Structures are given as structure tokens and as C-alpha cells.
C-alpha atoms as a PDB file:
ATOM      1  CA  MET A   1       2.130  14.931 -12.177  1.00  0.00           C
ATOM      2  CA  ASN A   2       4.582  12.138 -11.483  1.00  0.00           C
ATOM      3  CA  GLU A   3       3.438   9.064  -9.596  1.00  0.00           C
ATOM      4  CA  ILE A   4       5.317   6.984  -7.070  1.00  0.00           C
ATOM      5  CA  LYS A   5       3.784   3.516  -7.021  1.00  0.00           C
ATOM      6  CA  VAL A   6       3.969   1.737  -3.673  1.00  0.00           C
ATOM      7  CA  GLY A   7       3.618  -1.929  -2.786  1.00  0.00           C
ATOM      8  CA  LEU A   8       2.908  -2.982   0.784  1.00  0.00           C
ATOM      9  CA  ILE A   9       3.686  -6.376   2.306  1.00  0.00           C
ATOM     10  CA  GLY A  10       1.852  -6.870   5.589  1.00  0.00           C
ATOM     11  CA  PHE A  11      -1.617  -5.455   6.188  1.00  0.00           C
ATOM     12  CA  GLY A  12      -2.157  -5.966   9.895  1.00  0.00           C
ATOM     13  CA  THR A  13      -2.425  -3.191  12.472  1.00  0.00           C
ATOM     14  CA  VAL A  14       0.683  -1.329  11.315  1.00  0.00           C
ATOM     15  CA  GLY A  15       0.107  -1.890   7.598  1.00  0.00           C
ATOM     16  CA  ALA A  16      -3.489  -0.684   7.812  1.00  0.00           C
ATOM     17  CA  GLY A  17      -2.251   2.330   9.780  1.00  0.00           C
ATOM     18  CA  VAL A  18       0.250   3.183   7.058  1.00  0.00           C
ATOM     19  CA  VAL A  19      -2.485   2.975   4.421  1.00  0.00           C
ATOM     20  CA  LYS A  20      -4.750   5.225   6.516  1.00  0.00           C
ATOM     21  CA  ILE A  21      -1.968   7.809   6.846  1.00  0.00           C
ATOM     22  CA  LEU A  22      -1.216   7.692   3.112  1.00  0.00           C
ATOM     23  CA  GLN A  23      -4.907   8.135   2.304  1.00  0.00           C
ATOM     24  CA  LYS A  24      -5.573  10.836   4.900  1.00  0.00           C
ATOM     25  CA  ASN A  25      -2.492  12.899   4.030  1.00  0.00           C
ATOM     26  CA  SER A  26      -2.354  12.270   0.286  1.00  0.00           C
ATOM     27  CA  LYS A  27      -2.661  15.944  -0.700  1.00  0.00           C
ATOM     28  CA  LEU A  28       0.024  17.072   1.758  1.00  0.00           C
ATOM     29  CA  ILE A  29       2.378  14.271   0.671  1.00  0.00           C
ATOM     30  CA  GLU A  30       1.743  15.190  -2.974  1.00  0.00           C
ATOM     31  CA  LYS A  31       2.504  18.845  -2.312  1.00  0.00           C
ATOM     32  CA  ARG A  32       5.725  18.151  -0.394  1.00  0.00           C
ATOM     33  CA  MET A  33       7.046  15.465  -2.744  1.00  0.00           C
ATOM     34  CA  GLY A  34       5.871  16.915  -6.018  1.00  0.00           C
ATOM     35  CA  ALA A  35       4.498  13.492  -6.907  1.00  0.00           C
ATOM     36  CA  LYS A  36       1.356  11.500  -6.225  1.00  0.00           C
ATOM     37  CA  VAL A  37       1.806   8.391  -4.064  1.00  0.00           C
ATOM     38  CA  VAL A  38      -0.298   5.553  -5.472  1.00  0.00           C
ATOM     39  CA  LEU A  39      -0.868   2.341  -3.518  1.00  0.00           C
ATOM     40  CA  LYS A  40      -0.562  -0.298  -6.242  1.00  0.00           C
ATOM     41  CA  ARG A  41      -0.605  -3.661  -4.382  1.00  0.00           C
ATOM     42  CA  VAL A  42      -1.016  -4.909  -0.808  1.00  0.00           C
ATOM     43  CA  ALA A  43      -0.065  -8.458   0.194  1.00  0.00           C
ATOM     44  CA  ASP A  44      -1.277 -10.216   3.339  1.00  0.00           C
ATOM     45  CA  LEU A  45      -2.260 -13.769   4.227  1.00  0.00           C
ATOM     46  CA  ASP A  46      -5.559 -12.667   5.786  1.00  0.00           C
ATOM     47  CA  LEU A  47      -7.858 -11.137   3.188  1.00  0.00           C
ATOM     48  CA  GLU A  48     -11.017 -11.494   5.274  1.00  0.00           C
ATOM     49  CA  THR A  49     -10.448  -9.248   8.309  1.00  0.00           C
ATOM     50  CA  ASP A  50     -11.964  -5.770   8.092  1.00  0.00           C
ATOM     51  CA  ARG A  51      -9.206  -3.292   8.847  1.00  0.00           C
ATOM     52  CA  GLY A  52     -11.325  -0.193   8.456  1.00  0.00           C
ATOM     53  CA  VAL A  53      -9.467   0.813   5.305  1.00  0.00           C
ATOM     54  CA  LYS A  54     -11.001   1.034   1.863  1.00  0.00           C
ATOM     55  CA  LEU A  55      -8.856  -0.287  -0.989  1.00  0.00           C
ATOM     56  CA  ARG A  56      -9.549  -0.225  -4.701  1.00  0.00           C
ATOM     57  CA  PRO A  57     -10.627  -3.602  -6.128  1.00  0.00           C
ATOM     58  CA  GLY A  58      -7.763  -5.853  -7.170  1.00  0.00           C
ATOM     59  CA  ILE A  59      -5.130  -4.310  -4.890  1.00  0.00           C
ATOM     60  CA  LEU A  60      -5.228  -6.903  -2.087  1.00  0.00           C
ATOM     61  CA  THR A  61      -3.487 -10.249  -2.675  1.00  0.00           C
ATOM     62  CA  ARG A  62      -2.197 -13.205  -0.659  1.00  0.00           C
ATOM     63  CA  GLN A  63       0.904 -13.526  -2.850  1.00  0.00           C
ATOM     64  CA  THR A  64       3.960 -11.447  -1.910  1.00  0.00           C
ATOM     65  CA  GLU A  65       5.265 -12.226  -5.398  1.00  0.00           C
ATOM     66  CA  ASP A  66       2.457 -10.055  -6.804  1.00  0.00           C
ATOM     67  CA  VAL A  67       4.088  -7.106  -5.040  1.00  0.00           C
ATOM     68  CA  ILE A  68       7.765  -8.016  -5.402  1.00  0.00           C
ATOM     69  CA  GLY A  69       7.436  -9.063  -9.045  1.00  0.00           C
ATOM     70  CA  ASP A  70       5.447  -6.040 -10.230  1.00  0.00           C
ATOM     71  CA  PRO A  71       7.816  -3.958 -12.390  1.00  0.00           C
ATOM     72  CA  ASP A  72       5.550  -0.899 -12.037  1.00  0.00           C
ATOM     73  CA  ILE A  73       6.102  -0.660  -8.267  1.00  0.00           C
ATOM     74  CA  ASP A  74       8.758   1.883  -7.291  1.00  0.00           C
ATOM     75  CA  ILE A  75       8.850   1.330  -3.510  1.00  0.00           C
ATOM     76  CA  ILE A  76       8.056  -1.762  -1.431  1.00  0.00           C
ATOM     77  CA  ILE A  77       7.254  -1.336   2.257  1.00  0.00           C
ATOM     78  CA  GLU A  78       7.607  -4.500   4.352  1.00  0.00           C
ATOM     79  CA  LEU A  79       5.502  -4.492   7.523  1.00  0.00           C
ATOM     80  CA  ILE A  80       5.202  -8.171   8.403  1.00  0.00           C
ATOM     81  CA  GLY A  81       4.920  -8.648  12.146  1.00  0.00           C
ATOM     82  CA  GLY A  82       5.758 -11.595  14.265  1.00  0.00           C
END
């Protein structure tokens, strides 16, 4: 099955909510899109706050460049508040 690799910039309330939705509805999204959505990298300045979302090791970074500069990422979602 094809994969769509996603990078997320901003992991506050909205960003964590997006990750929860992607995780909770992964099978439905896969079925409708015909591809698996894979969260590849998440960038946020605050790496310490518990957002109630479980991420694979190595996904979370402080550097937006880790998301923007990753040639494997197909889609970048920007959710920086402020």
C-alpha cells in the first residue's frame, strides 16, 4: 500500500488534536484514500508538555528545518498558533 508521509509544524492544542484524529481514524483514512498516512516528523518548541498523544521515538523535534528539509515528507501541515 502507498504511504503519504506527513510532517507537522506546531504541536499545541490544535496540533495534538490533529495527531489524535489521524491516529484514531487511520483505518478509515486509509480506506478512503487508498494510502496509509504516516506521521513522519513533528516540530514544536516545547518538547516537555504532555499532550496526551503517543508518538514514535525520534518523531518530535524542536527544529522546523527537520520537517521542511526532509525529502521523504509529502505533506507539511503548519499549525503554529499565536
